[in-house]
Amino acid sequence: MRIILTAIPFIWIILSLPFVNHIQPLIFGLPFVAFWIQLGVVITVFCIHRLYVMDTKK
């Protein structure tokens, strides 16, 4: 599970960016790629939080 939680932000931001590099559609007034990156930041925070919780339960 730790490997998956570590890989999700990398895949989200680095590997998928060439596939989502579009201006249209606009989401909340942002180009799609800007929205994608901001959503990736939120998902990264969630993944890091879950990793922290998993490590502190030991």
Protein backbone atom coordinates (compact mmCIF):
# COMPACT_ATOMS: atom_id res chain seq x y z
CA MET A 1 0.00 0.00 0.00
CA ARG A 2 2.88 2.38 0.75
CA ILE A 3 4.30 1.95 -2.74
CA ILE A 4 0.93 2.76 -4.31
CA LEU A 5 0.47 5.86 -2.14
CA THR A 6 3.96 6.98 -3.07
CA ALA A 7 3.47 6.35 -6.79
CA ILE A 8 0.10 8.09 -7.15
CA PRO A 9 1.44 11.69 -6.99
CA PHE A 10 4.28 10.85 -9.39
CA ILE A 11 1.93 9.27 -11.90
CA TRP A 12 -0.62 12.06 -11.48
CA ILE A 13 1.75 14.97 -12.07
CA ILE A 14 4.62 13.63 -14.17
CA LEU A 15 3.37 10.73 -16.26
CA SER A 16 -0.16 11.91 -17.04
CA LEU A 17 0.67 15.55 -17.78
CA PRO A 18 1.38 15.07 -21.52
CA PHE A 19 -2.06 13.46 -21.92
CA VAL A 20 -3.98 16.26 -20.17
CA ASN A 21 -2.09 19.24 -21.58
CA HIS A 22 -5.17 21.01 -22.99
CA ILE A 23 -6.55 24.48 -22.48
CA GLN A 24 -10.16 23.51 -23.08
CA PRO A 25 -12.37 22.78 -21.16
CA LEU A 26 -12.25 25.53 -18.58
CA ILE A 27 -13.00 24.24 -15.09
CA PHE A 28 -13.78 26.89 -12.46
CA GLY A 29 -12.25 29.43 -14.86
CA LEU A 30 -8.94 27.57 -15.05
CA PRO A 31 -7.50 25.85 -18.10
CA PHE A 32 -7.77 22.09 -17.77
CA VAL A 33 -4.04 21.55 -17.21
CA ALA A 34 -3.95 24.12 -14.36
CA PHE A 35 -6.96 22.47 -12.73
CA TRP A 36 -5.28 19.05 -13.16
CA ILE A 37 -2.10 20.22 -11.41
CA GLN A 38 -4.01 21.84 -8.53
CA LEU A 39 -6.07 18.69 -8.08
CA GLY A 40 -2.79 16.76 -8.07
CA VAL A 41 -1.54 18.90 -5.20
CA VAL A 42 -4.64 18.04 -3.18
CA ILE A 43 -4.26 14.34 -3.93
CA THR A 44 -0.56 14.48 -3.03
CA VAL A 45 -1.41 16.01 0.36
CA PHE A 46 -3.94 13.24 0.96
CA CYS A 47 -1.41 10.53 0.01
CA ILE A 48 1.30 11.99 2.23
CA HIS A 49 -1.17 12.26 5.11
CA ARG A 50 -2.17 8.60 4.71
CA LEU A 51 1.51 7.58 4.64
CA TYR A 52 2.14 9.59 7.82
CA VAL A 53 -0.81 7.97 9.58
CA MET A 54 0.36 4.52 8.51
CA ASP A 55 3.89 5.17 9.78
CA THR A 56 2.84 6.60 13.14
CA LYS A 57 0.64 3.58 13.96
CA LYS A 58 3.70 1.38 14.40
